[in-house]
Amino acid sequence: MNLRPWAGPKRSASGFRGGARASIPLCIAVGAFGVSFGVLARANGFGVLAPIVMSLTTFTGASQFATVSVLSDGGGLGAAVLAAIPPASRYLPIGLSVAPVFAGSRLSRFFQAQMVIDESWAVANRGDGSFDLATLLGAGIALYVSWVAGTAIGVFGGDFLGDPNALGLDAAFPALFFVLLLSQLKTRQGVAAALAGGAIALALVPFTKAGVPIIAASLACFAGWWRR
């Protein structure tokens, strides 16, 4: 696998097309998890249309999985919405970090912001705390198409695919984000933030719900920001 698109300061991934190309390995993983979501939603009685519409309008995998899981277990709509909030809360610090690069009218910025997810954020990161908008949009749109297409495949072809996790696809995201992390460990602040974030997450995993450790771990990034 060519890892150069995430080489940080070299900026081999730049511009709309560069962002789309750099996100291809991530698109494969995102599409695979979209298939998992489609299979899960269809198996739990959500029909054909609802899972696809949810992916089109929500585009946040963890929250979608949480919502479907709660509803399939008999939980109410309120409980499902509350379950979706912690995983989605990570977009607050992510959104604040990329907000300065958005331009245009409020409506334009609104639509641009829909493409901000973990993966597009990582691909667009220049390595110095700044972000390239065109790269982010290129990666975000490619990932969006992959997620929706994966959901549709899971909904319509789930009976033939079986359990995607049996193929080890559940390890795809951690592996890819580990690669993205390596490109950021070039300064003492980066290493300190990574170690602190990992320690926070590991400490909270046994005591908190899914998503909370990730949100809390992101606070470690402020150490490098404050130092700068």
C-alpha atoms as a PDB file:
ATOM      1  CA  MET A   1       0.000   0.000   0.000  1.00  0.00           C
ATOM      2  CA  ASN A   2       1.370   3.427  -0.946  1.00  0.00           C
ATOM      3  CA  LEU A   3       1.290   5.548   2.208  1.00  0.00           C
ATOM      4  CA  ARG A   4       2.715   8.725   0.644  1.00  0.00           C
ATOM      5  CA  PRO A   5      -0.663  10.532   0.452  1.00  0.00           C
ATOM      6  CA  TRP A   6      -0.500  10.964   4.230  1.00  0.00           C
ATOM      7  CA  ALA A   7       3.101  12.160   4.404  1.00  0.00           C
ATOM      8  CA  GLY A   8       2.085  15.446   6.002  1.00  0.00           C
ATOM      9  CA  PRO A   9       4.348  18.368   5.063  1.00  0.00           C
ATOM     10  CA  LYS A  10       5.222  16.866   1.640  1.00  0.00           C
ATOM     11  CA  ARG A  11       1.624  17.604   0.621  1.00  0.00           C
ATOM     12  CA  SER A  12       1.487  14.859  -2.000  1.00  0.00           C
ATOM     13  CA  ALA A  13      -2.293  14.957  -1.470  1.00  0.00           C
ATOM     14  CA  SER A  14      -3.445  18.440  -2.414  1.00  0.00           C
ATOM     15  CA  GLY A  15      -6.395  19.847  -4.294  1.00  0.00           C
ATOM     16  CA  PHE A  16      -9.755  18.253  -4.949  1.00  0.00           C
ATOM     17  CA  ARG A  17      -8.433  15.402  -7.095  1.00  0.00           C
ATOM     18  CA  GLY A  18      -5.519  14.809  -4.746  1.00  0.00           C
ATOM     19  CA  GLY A  19      -7.871  14.496  -1.798  1.00  0.00           C
ATOM     20  CA  ALA A  20     -10.060  12.032  -3.677  1.00  0.00           C
ATOM     21  CA  ARG A  21      -7.043   9.920  -4.716  1.00  0.00           C
ATOM     22  CA  ALA A  22      -5.536   9.946  -1.233  1.00  0.00           C
ATOM     23  CA  SER A  23      -8.812   8.750   0.277  1.00  0.00           C
ATOM     24  CA  ILE A  24      -9.100   5.647  -1.919  1.00  0.00           C
ATOM     25  CA  PRO A  25      -7.776   3.195   0.742  1.00  0.00           C
ATOM     26  CA  LEU A  26     -10.092   4.824   3.272  1.00  0.00           C
ATOM     27  CA  CYS A  27     -12.999   4.629   0.823  1.00  0.00           C
ATOM     28  CA  ILE A  28     -12.544   0.858   0.703  1.00  0.00           C
ATOM     29  CA  ALA A  29     -12.831   0.627   4.491  1.00  0.00           C
ATOM     30  CA  VAL A  30     -15.712   3.114   4.643  1.00  0.00           C
ATOM     31  CA  GLY A  31     -17.578   1.217   1.935  1.00  0.00           C
ATOM     32  CA  ALA A  32     -17.063  -2.057   3.784  1.00  0.00           C
ATOM     33  CA  PHE A  33     -18.494  -0.596   6.969  1.00  0.00           C
ATOM     34  CA  GLY A  34     -21.354   0.858   4.955  1.00  0.00           C
ATOM     35  CA  VAL A  35     -22.104  -2.687   3.834  1.00  0.00           C
ATOM     36  CA  SER A  36     -22.063  -3.766   7.491  1.00  0.00           C
ATOM     37  CA  PHE A  37     -24.502  -1.002   8.386  1.00  0.00           C
ATOM     38  CA  GLY A  38     -26.833  -1.893   5.514  1.00  0.00           C
ATOM     39  CA  VAL A  39     -26.807  -5.558   6.503  1.00  0.00           C
ATOM     40  CA  LEU A  40     -27.469  -4.742  10.175  1.00  0.00           C
ATOM     41  CA  ALA A  41     -30.274  -2.289   9.441  1.00  0.00           C
ATOM     42  CA  ARG A  42     -32.019  -4.589   6.987  1.00  0.00           C
ATOM     43  CA  ALA A  43     -31.695  -7.581   9.329  1.00  0.00           C
ATOM     44  CA  ASN A  44     -33.347  -5.591  12.118  1.00  0.00           C
ATOM     45  CA  GLY A  45     -36.409  -4.664  10.131  1.00  0.00           C
ATOM     46  CA  PHE A  46     -35.512  -1.198   8.864  1.00  0.00           C
ATOM     47  CA  GLY A  47     -36.505  -2.045   5.328  1.00  0.00           C
ATOM     48  CA  VAL A  48     -34.780  -0.899   2.163  1.00  0.00           C
ATOM     49  CA  LEU A  49     -35.310   2.854   1.993  1.00  0.00           C
ATOM     50  CA  ALA A  50     -34.696   3.969   5.608  1.00  0.00           C
ATOM     51  CA  PRO A  51     -31.022   2.837   5.911  1.00  0.00           C
ATOM     52  CA  ILE A  52     -30.070   4.469   2.601  1.00  0.00           C
ATOM     53  CA  VAL A  53     -31.847   7.731   3.454  1.00  0.00           C
ATOM     54  CA  MET A  54     -30.142   7.725   6.857  1.00  0.00           C
ATOM     55  CA  SER A  55     -26.709   7.350   5.236  1.00  0.00           C
ATOM     56  CA  LEU A  56     -27.533  10.097   2.726  1.00  0.00           C
ATOM     57  CA  THR A  57     -28.569  12.570   5.431  1.00  0.00           C
ATOM     58  CA  THR A  58     -26.506  11.565   8.475  1.00  0.00           C
ATOM     59  CA  PHE A  59     -23.124  10.333   7.169  1.00  0.00           C
ATOM     60  CA  THR A  60     -21.662   9.386  10.539  1.00  0.00           C
ATOM     61  CA  GLY A  61     -21.190   5.662  10.829  1.00  0.00           C
ATOM     62  CA  ALA A  62     -20.759   5.282  14.584  1.00  0.00           C
ATOM     63  CA  SER A  63     -23.928   7.234  15.365  1.00  0.00           C
ATOM     64  CA  GLN A  64     -25.900   5.316  12.749  1.00  0.00           C
ATOM     65  CA  PHE A  65     -24.795   1.982  14.189  1.00  0.00           C
ATOM     66  CA  ALA A  66     -25.701   3.205  17.690  1.00  0.00           C
ATOM     67  CA  THR A  67     -29.157   4.364  16.597  1.00  0.00           C
ATOM     68  CA  VAL A  68     -29.998   1.155  14.769  1.00  0.00           C
ATOM     69  CA  SER A  69     -28.719  -0.978  17.655  1.00  0.00           C
ATOM     70  CA  VAL A  70     -30.882   0.826  20.226  1.00  0.00           C
ATOM     71  CA  LEU A  71     -34.022   0.739  18.073  1.00  0.00           C
ATOM     72  CA  SER A  72     -33.520  -2.926  17.165  1.00  0.00           C
ATOM     73  CA  ASP A  73     -33.243  -3.776  20.880  1.00  0.00           C
ATOM     74  CA  GLY A  74     -36.609  -2.176  21.550  1.00  0.00           C
ATOM     75  CA  GLY A  75     -35.398   1.223  22.722  1.00  0.00           C
ATOM     76  CA  GLY A  76     -37.395   4.363  22.052  1.00  0.00           C
ATOM     77  CA  LEU A  77     -36.567   7.169  19.655  1.00  0.00           C
ATOM     78  CA  GLY A  78     -35.300   9.382  22.474  1.00  0.00           C
ATOM     79  CA  ALA A  79     -32.880   6.706  23.670  1.00  0.00           C
ATOM     80  CA  ALA A  80     -31.671   6.160  20.099  1.00  0.00           C
ATOM     81  CA  VAL A  81     -30.994   9.878  19.625  1.00  0.00           C
ATOM     82  CA  LEU A  82     -29.131  10.083  22.929  1.00  0.00           C
ATOM     83  CA  ALA A  83     -27.037   7.054  21.984  1.00  0.00           C
ATOM     84  CA  ALA A  84     -26.021   8.791  18.753  1.00  0.00           C
ATOM     85  CA  ILE A  85     -24.842  11.994  20.450  1.00  0.00           C
ATOM     86  CA  PRO A  86     -21.594  10.801  22.150  1.00  0.00           C
ATOM     87  CA  PRO A  87     -20.027   9.340  18.971  1.00  0.00           C
ATOM     88  CA  ALA A  88     -21.032  12.427  16.981  1.00  0.00           C
ATOM     89  CA  SER A  89     -19.687  14.832  19.610  1.00  0.00           C
ATOM     90  CA  ARG A  90     -16.162  14.345  18.296  1.00  0.00           C
ATOM     91  CA  TYR A  91     -17.124  16.576  15.381  1.00  0.00           C
ATOM     92  CA  LEU A  92     -17.214  19.591  17.694  1.00  0.00           C
ATOM     93  CA  PRO A  93     -13.411  19.839  18.100  1.00  0.00           C
ATOM     94  CA  ILE A  94     -12.890  18.588  14.538  1.00  0.00           C
ATOM     95  CA  GLY A  95     -15.259  21.251  13.197  1.00  0.00           C
ATOM     96  CA  LEU A  96     -13.612  24.023  15.202  1.00  0.00           C
ATOM     97  CA  SER A  97     -10.199  23.078  13.840  1.00  0.00           C
ATOM     98  CA  VAL A  98     -11.253  23.304  10.171  1.00  0.00           C
ATOM     99  CA  ALA A  99     -13.780  26.161  10.419  1.00  0.00           C
ATOM    100  CA  PRO A 100     -11.267  28.873   9.363  1.00  0.00           C
ATOM    101  CA  VAL A 101     -10.780  27.342   5.888  1.00  0.00           C
ATOM    102  CA  PHE A 102     -14.468  27.492   4.913  1.00  0.00           C
ATOM    103  CA  ALA A 103     -15.452  30.333   2.605  1.00  0.00           C
ATOM    104  CA  GLY A 104     -18.520  31.683   0.852  1.00  0.00           C
ATOM    105  CA  SER A 105     -22.077  32.202   2.024  1.00  0.00           C
ATOM    106  CA  ARG A 106     -23.586  30.534   5.057  1.00  0.00           C
ATOM    107  CA  LEU A 107     -25.365  28.048   2.821  1.00  0.00           C
ATOM    108  CA  SER A 108     -22.115  27.230   1.013  1.00  0.00           C
ATOM    109  CA  ARG A 109     -20.245  26.743   4.281  1.00  0.00           C
ATOM    110  CA  PHE A 110     -23.088  24.554   5.544  1.00  0.00           C
ATOM    111  CA  PHE A 111     -22.777  22.157   2.624  1.00  0.00           C
ATOM    112  CA  GLN A 112     -18.981  22.169   2.802  1.00  0.00           C
ATOM    113  CA  ALA A 113     -19.154  21.242   6.476  1.00  0.00           C
ATOM    114  CA  GLN A 114     -21.135  18.091   5.676  1.00  0.00           C
ATOM    115  CA  MET A 115     -17.976  16.601   4.162  1.00  0.00           C
ATOM    116  CA  VAL A 116     -16.010  16.966   7.408  1.00  0.00           C
ATOM    117  CA  ILE A 117     -15.538  13.516   8.916  1.00  0.00           C
ATOM    118  CA  ASP A 118     -12.597  11.879  10.646  1.00  0.00           C
ATOM    119  CA  GLU A 119     -11.070  10.550   7.433  1.00  0.00           C
ATOM    120  CA  SER A 120     -11.416  13.685   5.269  1.00  0.00           C
ATOM    121  CA  TRP A 121     -10.082  15.743   8.190  1.00  0.00           C
ATOM    122  CA  ALA A 122      -6.998  13.529   8.386  1.00  0.00           C
ATOM    123  CA  VAL A 123      -6.351  13.571   4.632  1.00  0.00           C
ATOM    124  CA  ALA A 124      -6.673  17.385   4.459  1.00  0.00           C
ATOM    125  CA  ASN A 125      -4.371  17.970   7.427  1.00  0.00           C
ATOM    126  CA  ARG A 126      -1.222  19.722   6.200  1.00  0.00           C
ATOM    127  CA  GLY A 127       0.726  18.555   9.236  1.00  0.00           C
ATOM    128  CA  ASP A 128       1.163  22.041  10.712  1.00  0.00           C
ATOM    129  CA  GLY A 129      -2.318  22.494  12.161  1.00  0.00           C
ATOM    130  CA  SER A 130      -3.804  23.935   8.973  1.00  0.00           C
ATOM    131  CA  PHE A 131      -6.084  22.311   6.394  1.00  0.00           C
ATOM    132  CA  ASP A 132      -6.620  22.470   2.639  1.00  0.00           C
ATOM    133  CA  LEU A 133     -10.290  22.984   1.784  1.00  0.00           C
ATOM    134  CA  ALA A 134     -10.153  21.511  -1.718  1.00  0.00           C
ATOM    135  CA  THR A 135      -8.410  18.401  -0.428  1.00  0.00           C
ATOM    136  CA  LEU A 136     -10.979  18.041   2.344  1.00  0.00           C
ATOM    137  CA  LEU A 137     -13.880  18.329  -0.091  1.00  0.00           C
ATOM    138  CA  GLY A 138     -12.338  15.886  -2.558  1.00  0.00           C
ATOM    139  CA  ALA A 139     -11.772  13.303   0.155  1.00  0.00           C
ATOM    140  CA  GLY A 140     -15.132  13.987   1.801  1.00  0.00           C
ATOM    141  CA  ILE A 141     -17.179  13.541  -1.367  1.00  0.00           C
ATOM    142  CA  ALA A 142     -15.328  10.338  -2.290  1.00  0.00           C
ATOM    143  CA  LEU A 143     -15.926   8.949   1.196  1.00  0.00           C
ATOM    144  CA  TYR A 144     -19.587  10.039   1.126  1.00  0.00           C
ATOM    145  CA  VAL A 145     -20.198   8.169  -2.128  1.00  0.00           C
ATOM    146  CA  SER A 146     -18.427   5.093  -0.714  1.00  0.00           C
ATOM    147  CA  TRP A 147     -20.509   5.135   2.467  1.00  0.00           C
ATOM    148  CA  VAL A 148     -23.851   5.501   0.688  1.00  0.00           C
ATOM    149  CA  ALA A 149     -22.927   2.926  -1.972  1.00  0.00           C
ATOM    150  CA  GLY A 150     -21.774   0.492   0.724  1.00  0.00           C
ATOM    151  CA  THR A 151     -25.053   0.950   2.586  1.00  0.00           C
ATOM    152  CA  ALA A 152     -27.030   0.231  -0.582  1.00  0.00           C
ATOM    153  CA  ILE A 153     -24.963  -2.899  -1.284  1.00  0.00           C
ATOM    154  CA  GLY A 154     -25.540  -4.107   2.265  1.00  0.00           C
ATOM    155  CA  VAL A 155     -29.271  -3.464   2.068  1.00  0.00           C
ATOM    156  CA  PHE A 156     -29.822  -5.166  -1.280  1.00  0.00           C
ATOM    157  CA  GLY A 157     -27.125  -7.852  -1.162  1.00  0.00           C
ATOM    158  CA  GLY A 158     -26.719  -8.591   2.518  1.00  0.00           C
ATOM    159  CA  ASP A 159     -28.114 -12.115   2.211  1.00  0.00           C
ATOM    160  CA  PHE A 160     -25.284 -13.056  -0.154  1.00  0.00           C
ATOM    161  CA  LEU A 161     -22.465 -11.301   1.718  1.00  0.00           C
ATOM    162  CA  GLY A 162     -22.845 -12.744   5.197  1.00  0.00           C
ATOM    163  CA  ASP A 163     -21.054 -11.034   8.099  1.00  0.00           C
ATOM    164  CA  PRO A 164     -18.393  -8.554   6.848  1.00  0.00           C
ATOM    165  CA  ASN A 165     -16.661  -8.638  10.244  1.00  0.00           C
ATOM    166  CA  ALA A 166     -15.902 -12.319   9.689  1.00  0.00           C
ATOM    167  CA  LEU A 167     -13.441 -11.133   7.031  1.00  0.00           C
ATOM    168  CA  GLY A 168     -11.598  -8.976   9.549  1.00  0.00           C
ATOM    169  CA  LEU A 169     -13.006  -5.699   8.232  1.00  0.00           C
ATOM    170  CA  ASP A 170     -13.583  -4.502  11.788  1.00  0.00           C
ATOM    171  CA  ALA A 171      -9.811  -3.988  12.018  1.00  0.00           C
ATOM    172  CA  ALA A 172      -9.592  -1.847   8.874  1.00  0.00           C
ATOM    173  CA  PHE A 173     -10.344   1.498  10.507  1.00  0.00           C
ATOM    174  CA  PRO A 174      -7.919   1.120  13.451  1.00  0.00           C
ATOM    175  CA  ALA A 175      -5.146   0.047  11.073  1.00  0.00           C
ATOM    176  CA  LEU A 176      -5.696   2.967   8.713  1.00  0.00           C
ATOM    177  CA  PHE A 177      -5.863   5.528  11.500  1.00  0.00           C
ATOM    178  CA  PHE A 178      -2.672   4.097  12.973  1.00  0.00           C
ATOM    179  CA  VAL A 179      -0.983   4.832   9.645  1.00  0.00           C
ATOM    180  CA  LEU A 180      -2.350   8.388   9.709  1.00  0.00           C
ATOM    181  CA  LEU A 181      -1.071   8.810  13.256  1.00  0.00           C
ATOM    182  CA  LEU A 182       2.461   7.783  12.314  1.00  0.00           C
ATOM    183  CA  SER A 183       2.779  10.702   9.883  1.00  0.00           C
ATOM    184  CA  GLN A 184       2.013  13.141  12.723  1.00  0.00           C
ATOM    185  CA  LEU A 185       4.651  11.851  15.158  1.00  0.00           C
ATOM    186  CA  LYS A 186       7.392  14.174  13.946  1.00  0.00           C
ATOM    187  CA  THR A 187       7.534  16.626  16.838  1.00  0.00           C
ATOM    188  CA  ARG A 188       7.633  16.365  20.615  1.00  0.00           C
ATOM    189  CA  GLN A 189       4.213  18.010  20.807  1.00  0.00           C
ATOM    190  CA  GLY A 190       2.787  15.432  18.401  1.00  0.00           C
ATOM    191  CA  VAL A 191       4.211  12.509  20.347  1.00  0.00           C
ATOM    192  CA  ALA A 192       3.045  14.003  23.653  1.00  0.00           C
ATOM    193  CA  ALA A 193      -0.478  14.563  22.316  1.00  0.00           C
ATOM    194  CA  ALA A 194      -0.642  11.004  20.945  1.00  0.00           C
ATOM    195  CA  LEU A 195       0.553   9.433  24.198  1.00  0.00           C
ATOM    196  CA  ALA A 196      -1.743  11.583  26.326  1.00  0.00           C
ATOM    197  CA  GLY A 197      -4.725  10.862  24.091  1.00  0.00           C
ATOM    198  CA  GLY A 198      -4.039   7.133  24.172  1.00  0.00           C
ATOM    199  CA  ALA A 199      -3.716   7.147  27.957  1.00  0.00           C
ATOM    200  CA  ILE A 200      -6.983   9.048  28.390  1.00  0.00           C
ATOM    201  CA  ALA A 201      -8.861   6.695  26.064  1.00  0.00           C
ATOM    202  CA  LEU A 202      -7.494   3.538  27.704  1.00  0.00           C
ATOM    203  CA  ALA A 203      -8.365   4.858  31.161  1.00  0.00           C
ATOM    204  CA  LEU A 204     -11.976   5.614  30.198  1.00  0.00           C
ATOM    205  CA  VAL A 205     -12.827   2.552  28.079  1.00  0.00           C
ATOM    206  CA  PRO A 206     -13.777   0.309  31.057  1.00  0.00           C
ATOM    207  CA  PHE A 207     -16.030   2.950  32.641  1.00  0.00           C
ATOM    208  CA  THR A 208     -17.736   4.922  29.861  1.00  0.00           C
ATOM    209  CA  LYS A 209     -19.941   4.303  26.852  1.00  0.00           C
ATOM    210  CA  ALA A 210     -18.583   3.939  23.328  1.00  0.00           C
ATOM    211  CA  GLY A 211     -17.502   7.250  21.836  1.00  0.00           C
ATOM    212  CA  VAL A 212     -16.790   8.999  25.138  1.00  0.00           C
ATOM    213  CA  PRO A 213     -13.116   7.887  25.337  1.00  0.00           C
ATOM    214  CA  ILE A 214     -12.457   9.244  21.828  1.00  0.00           C
ATOM    215  CA  ILE A 215     -14.032  12.600  22.650  1.00  0.00           C
ATOM    216  CA  ALA A 216     -12.076  12.889  25.896  1.00  0.00           C
ATOM    217  CA  ALA A 217      -8.842  11.800  24.216  1.00  0.00           C
ATOM    218  CA  SER A 218      -9.159  14.611  21.685  1.00  0.00           C
ATOM    219  CA  LEU A 219      -8.621  17.069  24.541  1.00  0.00           C
ATOM    220  CA  ALA A 220      -4.970  16.031  24.526  1.00  0.00           C
ATOM    221  CA  CYS A 221      -4.583  17.906  21.236  1.00  0.00           C
ATOM    222  CA  PHE A 222      -5.103  21.176  23.080  1.00  0.00           C
ATOM    223  CA  ALA A 223      -1.761  20.642  24.832  1.00  0.00           C
ATOM    224  CA  GLY A 224       0.113  21.194  21.566  1.00  0.00           C
ATOM    225  CA  TRP A 225      -2.235  24.011  20.559  1.00  0.00           C
ATOM    226  CA  TRP A 226      -1.701  25.839  23.854  1.00  0.00           C
ATOM    227  CA  ARG A 227       2.066  25.357  23.608  1.00  0.00           C
ATOM    228  CA  ARG A 228       2.059  26.863  20.102  1.00  0.00           C
END
